[in-house]
Amino acid sequence: MTTFSPEQMAQATAVLNSVRDDWLAREGVTAVDLGFKWSQGLMTGKLSIRVHVSQKRPEAELTETELFPEQLEGIPVDVIQAEYGLQLLPGGSQLEAAPEARKARYDPIPLGVSAGNPRITAGTLGAKVYDAATLAPMALSNWHVFAGSPAAAVGEPIWQPGALDGGNSGDTFATLSRFELGPYDAAVAQLTNSRDLVAETVDKDAAEDVTTPILGMLVWKSGRTTERTQGFIDGIKMTTAINYGAAGVRAIQDVVRIVPRSGAGNVEISMGGDSGSVWVDEGSGKAIGLHFAGEVGNAPEHALACELQPVLSRLNVLMPAQRPSDPPNPTPTPDPIEPPPPPDDDTFPPPPRPNLFQRLWHSLRSFWRNLFG
């Protein structure tokens, strides 16, 4: 995996931030990020500032103000043709069928299976988390899976499996608690305690901790539709505008782009219904992002995920491994020993009686005193 020093990343991030708003405002721009530079369909090991456009045009057709520079402060600039969107708009009726194991009803419930608000078709249950204040267990997924409407309200039921996969009111396992749409697409639901939620996927892979996504990192996800798929991170720190239907177009930040691994071919690493699944670093087993969208168009798929730690902080929740450990039981301090109170006079024992020798000696002394006294 090609790695870059903290100094290189800090410089590149500062340069990206200096042009982010201007480039996003240009017509046809769909996203900006940091990532590997691509050349003739092949990824290079060079770090670049990337601008994603809906349609590349020949340089001869572009005005001077429409051209992007070849480099900024020594960092290459890469122009990538790509559009991004939800793989299913809230309220949409089209959705790929889920494998039987992903749409089944579970008790206890694993991660990576069908779930959702009754108003949507179905998405993926991504992670078990805990309220940072109360440590109550909660379920994590996307806004457009657990809420799905600008009218969504706290307390709405969340079903497992989702409505499209046969769920009904009797399958409520949680209620909507907190949600964000911009700068992230995320929501958490409070468990009703009708069924337990475990911190591992239906494939028996644990997802209990979080780490920072790094360019070139090999990752996997477990989703309702495409099940367990693999990819690698080719872009980070992305900002992109996503159409949420009735909720409007929202800018989503801290986005990670995940692409198929070299040699995987023309594959889809995510599809409609995978929204809400969690991408996990293959090396450490720690989660890096919350899947929410993908590239519009034909395979190979380029998946998008919100960086996970900012999402957790925004929703004020913790991954299982982030929970504070219970303080050890201190060795109890014994109560001080107080001396007993002095006894009353009448509690003193009587003096011991003299023995036979002592009695004879006292009698003899008394006789002599009386005789010669």
Protein backbone atom coordinates (compact mmCIF):
# COMPACT_ATOMS: atom_id res chain seq x y z
CA MET A 1 0.00 0.00 0.00
CA THR A 2 1.40 3.39 -1.00
CA THR A 3 1.57 5.63 2.04
CA PHE A 4 2.05 9.35 2.44
CA SER A 5 3.58 11.20 5.38
CA PRO A 6 1.43 13.27 7.75
CA GLU A 7 3.16 16.36 6.38
CA GLN A 8 2.21 15.44 2.78
CA MET A 9 -1.39 14.81 3.77
CA ALA A 10 -1.62 18.05 5.78
CA GLN A 11 -0.28 20.10 2.87
CA ALA A 12 -2.59 18.41 0.35
CA THR A 13 -5.59 18.89 2.63
CA ALA A 14 -4.83 22.59 3.03
CA VAL A 15 -4.57 23.03 -0.74
CA LEU A 16 -7.81 21.08 -1.27
CA ASN A 17 -9.61 23.26 1.26
CA SER A 18 -8.41 26.40 -0.53
CA VAL A 19 -10.17 25.43 -3.79
CA ARG A 20 -13.01 23.22 -2.53
CA ASP A 21 -15.86 25.77 -2.54
CA ASP A 22 -14.81 27.39 -5.82
CA TRP A 23 -14.52 24.10 -7.70
CA LEU A 24 -17.78 22.67 -6.29
CA ALA A 25 -19.61 25.76 -7.50
CA ARG A 26 -18.54 25.19 -11.11
CA GLU A 27 -21.05 23.71 -13.52
CA GLY A 28 -20.69 19.98 -14.01
CA VAL A 29 -18.54 19.36 -10.94
CA THR A 30 -19.90 16.48 -8.84
CA ALA A 31 -17.23 16.15 -6.11
CA VAL A 32 -13.73 17.09 -4.99
CA ASP A 33 -11.38 14.98 -2.88
CA LEU A 34 -7.83 13.79 -2.26
CA GLY A 35 -6.79 10.51 -3.80
CA PHE A 36 -4.63 8.52 -6.11
CA LYS A 37 -4.15 9.96 -9.57
CA TRP A 38 -5.54 7.83 -12.41
CA SER A 39 -3.95 7.62 -15.85
CA GLN A 40 -5.52 5.84 -18.84
CA GLY A 41 -7.78 3.82 -16.56
CA LEU A 42 -4.98 2.73 -14.26
CA MET A 43 -4.33 3.97 -10.76
CA THR A 44 -0.93 5.48 -10.10
CA GLY A 45 0.75 5.81 -6.74
CA LYS A 46 0.71 9.61 -6.88
CA LEU A 47 -1.26 11.70 -4.41
CA SER A 48 -3.46 14.22 -6.21
CA ILE A 49 -6.19 16.78 -5.71
CA ARG A 50 -9.13 15.39 -7.66
CA VAL A 51 -12.11 17.09 -9.23
CA HIS A 52 -14.97 14.84 -10.35
CA VAL A 53 -17.16 15.99 -13.25
CA SER A 54 -20.33 14.63 -14.82
CA GLN A 55 -18.81 14.79 -18.30
CA LYS A 56 -15.25 15.32 -19.45
CA ARG A 57 -14.87 17.67 -22.39
CA PRO A 58 -11.93 18.14 -24.76
CA GLU A 59 -9.62 20.94 -23.66
CA ALA A 60 -10.25 22.70 -26.98
CA GLU A 61 -13.90 23.19 -25.97
CA LEU A 62 -13.06 24.73 -22.59
CA THR A 63 -12.47 28.37 -21.86
CA GLU A 64 -9.48 29.43 -19.81
CA THR A 65 -11.68 29.86 -16.72
CA GLU A 66 -13.14 26.36 -17.17
CA LEU A 67 -9.77 24.64 -17.28
CA PHE A 68 -8.41 23.08 -14.08
CA PRO A 69 -4.68 23.50 -13.42
CA GLU A 70 -2.35 20.55 -13.94
CA GLN A 71 -0.97 21.03 -10.44
CA LEU A 72 -1.41 23.19 -7.34
CA GLU A 73 1.59 23.96 -5.14
CA GLY A 74 3.39 20.97 -6.55
CA ILE A 75 0.47 18.56 -6.10
CA PRO A 76 -0.98 17.03 -9.31
CA VAL A 77 -4.62 17.75 -10.18
CA ASP A 78 -6.67 14.88 -11.59
CA VAL A 79 -10.02 15.26 -13.40
CA ILE A 80 -12.28 12.18 -13.03
CA GLN A 81 -15.54 11.61 -14.88
CA ALA A 82 -18.05 10.35 -12.30
CA GLU A 83 -21.51 11.14 -10.94
CA TYR A 84 -22.72 10.00 -7.54
CA GLY A 85 -26.13 9.36 -6.06
CA LEU A 86 -28.20 7.24 -3.73
CA GLN A 87 -28.66 3.75 -5.02
CA LEU A 88 -32.29 4.17 -4.05
CA LEU A 89 -34.11 7.43 -3.38
CA PRO A 90 -36.29 7.48 -0.25
CA GLY A 91 -39.76 6.33 -1.24
CA GLY A 92 -38.50 4.59 -4.39
CA SER A 93 -40.03 1.26 -5.32
CA GLN A 94 -37.15 -0.28 -7.27
CA LEU A 95 -34.69 -2.35 -5.25
CA GLU A 96 -32.60 -5.39 -5.96
CA ALA A 97 -33.74 -8.61 -4.30
CA ALA A 98 -31.88 -9.66 -1.17
CA PRO A 99 -30.47 -13.15 -0.62
CA GLU A 100 -32.55 -15.20 1.80
CA ALA A 101 -30.02 -14.93 4.63
CA ARG A 102 -30.06 -11.12 4.39
CA LYS A 103 -33.82 -10.61 4.49
CA ALA A 104 -34.61 -13.14 7.21
CA ARG A 105 -35.89 -12.14 10.64
CA TYR A 106 -33.25 -12.69 13.35
CA ASP A 107 -33.24 -13.01 17.13
CA PRO A 108 -30.67 -11.93 18.19
CA ILE A 109 -30.03 -9.62 15.23
CA PRO A 110 -26.64 -9.62 13.45
CA LEU A 111 -25.23 -6.76 11.38
CA GLY A 112 -25.42 -6.60 7.60
CA VAL A 113 -29.08 -7.64 7.32
CA SER A 114 -32.28 -5.99 6.10
CA ALA A 115 -33.75 -3.23 8.27
CA GLY A 116 -35.43 0.13 7.90
CA ASN A 117 -38.16 2.62 8.68
CA PRO A 118 -41.55 1.34 7.40
CA ARG A 119 -41.72 4.26 4.94
CA ILE A 120 -38.70 2.99 2.98
CA THR A 121 -38.25 -0.33 1.20
CA ALA A 122 -35.18 -1.74 2.97
CA GLY A 123 -31.58 -0.91 3.80
CA THR A 124 -28.82 -2.39 5.90
CA LEU A 125 -28.31 -2.47 9.65
CA GLY A 126 -24.72 -1.23 9.93
CA ALA A 127 -23.39 -1.32 13.49
CA LYS A 128 -24.21 -1.73 17.13
CA VAL A 129 -23.35 1.47 19.01
CA TYR A 130 -23.96 2.95 22.45
CA ASP A 131 -25.34 6.29 23.56
CA ALA A 132 -22.30 8.22 24.82
CA ALA A 133 -24.27 9.67 27.74
CA THR A 134 -26.31 6.71 28.97
CA LEU A 135 -24.45 3.77 27.34
CA ALA A 136 -27.81 2.44 26.14
CA PRO A 137 -27.39 0.12 23.11
CA MET A 138 -28.46 1.55 19.73
CA ALA A 139 -28.47 0.59 16.03
CA LEU A 140 -26.64 2.66 13.37
CA SER A 141 -27.58 3.11 9.72
CA ASN A 142 -28.26 5.94 7.22
CA TRP A 143 -30.75 8.79 7.46
CA HIS A 144 -32.38 7.51 4.29
CA VAL A 145 -32.74 4.04 5.85
CA PHE A 146 -33.92 4.87 9.38
CA ALA A 147 -35.69 8.21 8.66
CA GLY A 148 -36.24 8.62 4.91
CA SER A 149 -38.33 11.80 5.01
CA PRO A 150 -37.98 15.44 6.09
CA ALA A 151 -41.03 14.75 8.26
CA ALA A 152 -39.32 11.96 10.20
CA ALA A 153 -39.76 12.19 13.97
CA VAL A 154 -38.11 10.73 17.02
CA GLY A 155 -39.85 7.57 18.16
CA GLU A 156 -40.79 6.17 14.74
CA PRO A 157 -40.49 2.36 14.53
CA ILE A 158 -37.55 0.61 12.87
CA TRP A 159 -38.21 -2.87 11.52
CA GLN A 160 -35.94 -5.88 11.01
CA PRO A 161 -36.34 -7.04 8.30
CA GLY A 162 -37.35 -3.99 6.26
CA ALA A 163 -40.79 -3.60 4.71
CA LEU A 164 -39.81 -4.90 1.26
CA ASP A 165 -38.35 -8.05 2.82
CA GLY A 166 -41.50 -9.00 4.70
CA GLY A 167 -41.15 -6.85 7.81
CA ASN A 168 -44.23 -5.61 9.67
CA SER A 169 -45.09 -3.81 12.90
CA GLY A 170 -44.39 -6.98 14.87
CA ASP A 171 -40.78 -6.78 13.70
CA THR A 172 -40.08 -3.45 15.40
CA PHE A 173 -36.79 -3.79 17.26
CA ALA A 174 -35.86 -0.12 17.73
CA THR A 175 -37.23 3.42 17.54
CA LEU A 176 -35.71 6.39 15.73
CA SER A 177 -33.61 8.46 18.12
CA ARG A 178 -31.19 10.88 16.36
CA PHE A 179 -30.46 11.58 12.70
CA GLU A 180 -28.38 13.81 10.41
CA LEU A 181 -28.72 14.71 6.73
CA GLY A 182 -25.84 17.02 5.87
CA PRO A 183 -22.98 17.02 6.46
CA TYR A 184 -23.54 13.26 6.97
CA ASP A 185 -26.22 10.73 6.05
CA ALA A 186 -26.67 8.87 9.33
CA ALA A 187 -29.15 7.89 12.03
CA VAL A 188 -29.34 5.86 15.21
CA ALA A 189 -32.28 4.05 16.77
CA GLN A 190 -32.84 3.10 20.40
CA LEU A 191 -33.38 -0.64 20.96
CA THR A 192 -36.76 -1.61 22.37
CA ASN A 193 -35.22 -4.62 24.17
CA SER A 194 -37.57 -6.95 22.27
CA ARG A 195 -34.54 -8.46 20.52
CA ASP A 196 -30.83 -8.18 21.18
CA LEU A 197 -28.39 -6.75 18.62
CA VAL A 198 -24.93 -8.30 18.32
CA ALA A 199 -21.74 -6.55 17.20
CA GLU A 200 -20.88 -8.99 14.42
CA THR A 201 -22.20 -9.54 10.93
CA VAL A 202 -24.27 -12.44 9.71
CA ASP A 203 -20.92 -13.66 8.27
CA LYS A 204 -19.51 -13.74 11.85
CA ASP A 205 -17.14 -10.82 11.28
CA ALA A 206 -16.86 -8.49 14.27
CA ALA A 207 -17.27 -4.72 13.90
CA GLU A 208 -16.59 -3.25 17.34
CA ASP A 209 -14.07 -0.44 16.88
CA VAL A 210 -13.27 2.48 14.57
CA THR A 211 -10.14 3.76 12.82
CA THR A 212 -9.18 6.46 10.32
CA PRO A 213 -9.47 5.63 6.60
CA ILE A 214 -6.15 5.73 4.72
CA LEU A 215 -5.53 5.80 0.98
CA GLY A 216 -4.86 2.29 -0.30
CA MET A 217 -6.46 0.58 2.71
CA LEU A 218 -8.10 -2.76 1.88
CA VAL A 219 -11.68 -2.87 3.19
CA TRP A 220 -14.81 -5.02 3.22
CA LYS A 221 -18.48 -4.46 3.93
CA SER A 222 -21.47 -6.67 4.71
CA GLY A 223 -24.68 -5.46 3.04
CA ARG A 224 -28.26 -6.51 2.56
CA THR A 225 -28.02 -6.87 -1.24
CA THR A 226 -24.46 -7.66 -2.35
CA GLU A 227 -23.55 -9.38 0.94
CA ARG A 228 -19.82 -9.37 1.77
CA THR A 229 -17.79 -7.45 -0.80
CA GLN A 230 -14.23 -6.13 -0.89
CA GLY A 231 -12.56 -2.98 -2.17
CA PHE A 232 -9.82 -0.49 -1.45
CA ILE A 233 -9.84 3.20 -0.57
CA ASP A 234 -8.75 5.40 -3.48
CA GLY A 235 -10.12 8.74 -2.22
CA ILE A 236 -10.70 10.55 1.08
CA LYS A 237 -11.90 13.94 2.36
CA MET A 238 -14.48 14.15 -0.41
CA THR A 239 -17.35 16.62 -0.52
CA THR A 240 -20.17 15.76 -2.91
CA ALA A 241 -23.74 16.93 -3.57
CA ILE A 242 -26.38 14.18 -3.38
CA ASN A 243 -30.03 14.39 -4.43
CA TYR A 244 -32.32 13.20 -1.61
CA GLY A 245 -35.60 13.70 -3.42
CA ALA A 246 -38.07 15.50 -1.16
CA ALA A 247 -35.23 16.40 1.21
CA GLY A 248 -33.43 18.25 -1.61
CA VAL A 249 -29.79 18.24 -2.67
CA ARG A 250 -27.45 17.98 0.31
CA ALA A 251 -23.68 18.44 0.56
CA ILE A 252 -22.15 15.38 2.22
CA GLN A 253 -18.65 15.79 3.68
CA ASP A 254 -15.80 13.61 4.95
CA VAL A 255 -16.60 11.06 2.27
CA VAL A 256 -14.42 8.04 1.47
CA ARG A 257 -14.43 6.55 -2.04
CA ILE A 258 -14.03 2.78 -2.30
CA VAL A 259 -13.33 1.02 -5.60
CA PRO A 260 -12.92 -2.63 -6.67
CA ARG A 261 -9.54 -4.20 -6.06
CA SER A 262 -7.10 -4.71 -8.86
CA GLY A 263 -8.00 -7.75 -10.93
CA ALA A 264 -11.57 -7.95 -9.58
CA GLY A 265 -13.03 -7.11 -12.97
CA ASN A 266 -16.29 -5.34 -13.77
CA VAL A 267 -17.90 -5.90 -10.37
CA GLU A 268 -20.45 -4.13 -8.18
CA ILE A 269 -19.13 -3.76 -4.64
CA SER A 270 -22.46 -2.22 -3.54
CA MET A 271 -26.01 -1.86 -4.84
CA GLY A 272 -29.39 -0.56 -3.74
CA GLY A 273 -30.23 -1.90 -0.28
CA ASP A 274 -26.61 -1.89 0.91
CA SER A 275 -27.04 1.63 2.30
CA GLY A 276 -26.22 1.73 5.99
CA SER A 277 -23.59 -1.00 5.91
CA VAL A 278 -20.21 -0.34 7.49
CA TRP A 279 -16.87 -0.57 5.65
CA VAL A 280 -14.16 -2.24 7.74
CA ASP A 281 -10.36 -2.18 7.48
CA GLU A 282 -9.27 -5.70 6.58
CA GLY A 283 -5.98 -5.39 8.47
CA SER A 284 -7.21 -4.17 11.86
CA GLY A 285 -10.84 -5.27 11.81
CA LYS A 286 -11.87 -1.70 12.67
CA ALA A 287 -14.66 0.16 10.88
CA ILE A 288 -13.80 3.19 8.74
CA GLY A 289 -17.00 4.38 7.07
CA LEU A 290 -20.80 4.27 6.79
CA HIS A 291 -21.88 3.36 3.25
CA PHE A 292 -24.55 5.68 1.79
CA ALA A 293 -24.19 6.05 -2.00
CA GLY A 294 -22.39 4.96 -5.14
CA GLU A 295 -21.41 5.98 -8.61
CA VAL A 296 -24.28 6.44 -11.05
CA GLY A 297 -23.95 4.29 -14.16
CA ASN A 298 -22.54 0.93 -15.13
CA ALA A 299 -20.08 -1.22 -13.17
CA PRO A 300 -17.42 -1.19 -11.90
CA GLU A 301 -18.98 0.40 -8.88
CA HIS A 302 -17.31 3.20 -6.94
CA ALA A 303 -18.91 3.24 -3.47
CA LEU A 304 -19.15 6.22 -1.11
CA ALA A 305 -19.08 6.11 2.69
CA CYS A 306 -19.12 8.81 5.35
CA GLU A 307 -15.99 8.63 7.50
CA LEU A 308 -17.23 6.85 10.61
CA GLN A 309 -15.63 8.68 13.54
CA PRO A 310 -17.10 12.11 12.61
CA VAL A 311 -20.50 10.40 12.25
CA LEU A 312 -20.21 8.83 15.70
CA SER A 313 -19.21 12.17 17.24
CA ARG A 314 -22.08 13.98 15.51
CA LEU A 315 -24.65 11.47 16.78
CA ASN A 316 -22.99 11.26 20.22
CA VAL A 317 -22.56 7.49 20.14
CA LEU A 318 -19.70 5.06 20.71
CA MET A 319 -18.61 1.83 19.09
CA PRO A 320 -18.51 -1.13 21.54
CA ALA A 321 -14.72 -0.88 21.98
CA GLN A 322 -15.00 2.85 22.77
CA ARG A 323 -17.19 2.37 25.83
CA PRO A 324 -15.49 3.38 29.06
CA SER A 325 -14.47 0.38 31.09
CA ASP A 326 -16.08 -0.04 34.48
CA PRO A 327 -13.81 1.29 37.24
CA PRO A 328 -12.21 -1.52 39.22
CA ASN A 329 -13.74 -2.23 42.60
CA PRO A 330 -11.46 -0.50 45.13
CA THR A 331 -10.22 -2.48 48.13
CA PRO A 332 -12.63 -1.54 50.87
CA THR A 333 -11.07 0.52 53.66
CA PRO A 334 -11.75 -1.14 57.02
CA ASP A 335 -13.63 0.91 59.56
CA PRO A 336 -11.33 2.35 62.26
CA ILE A 337 -11.19 0.27 65.43
CA GLU A 338 -12.30 2.29 68.39
CA PRO A 339 -11.23 1.35 71.93
CA PRO A 340 -14.07 0.01 74.05
CA PRO A 341 -15.60 2.48 76.52
CA PRO A 342 -14.36 2.24 80.11
CA PRO A 343 -16.56 -0.08 82.19
CA ASP A 344 -18.68 1.11 85.07
CA ASP A 345 -17.24 0.58 88.56
CA ASP A 346 -19.59 -2.24 89.34
CA THR A 347 -18.45 -4.11 86.32
CA PHE A 348 -14.92 -4.67 87.65
CA PRO A 349 -14.37 -8.30 88.67
CA PRO A 350 -13.80 -8.97 92.39
CA PRO A 351 -10.17 -9.23 93.51
CA PRO A 352 -8.78 -12.75 93.53
CA ARG A 353 -8.91 -14.67 96.85
CA PRO A 354 -5.48 -15.23 98.52
CA ASN A 355 -4.10 -18.75 98.47
CA LEU A 356 -3.38 -20.92 101.59
CA PHE A 357 0.23 -19.75 102.13
CA GLN A 358 -0.86 -16.10 101.92
CA ARG A 359 -3.62 -16.70 104.49
CA LEU A 360 -1.20 -18.40 106.97
CA TRP A 361 1.35 -15.60 106.55
CA HIS A 362 -1.26 -12.92 107.31
CA SER A 363 -2.50 -14.84 110.37
CA LEU A 364 1.04 -15.20 111.77
CA ARG A 365 1.76 -11.47 111.27
CA SER A 366 -1.42 -10.57 113.11
CA PHE A 367 -0.51 -12.91 116.06
CA TRP A 368 2.94 -11.38 116.59
CA ARG A 369 1.57 -7.83 116.38
CA ASN A 370 -1.01 -8.57 119.07
CA LEU A 371 1.56 -10.36 121.29
CA PHE A 372 4.25 -7.68 121.25
CA GLY A 373 2.20 -4.70 120.19
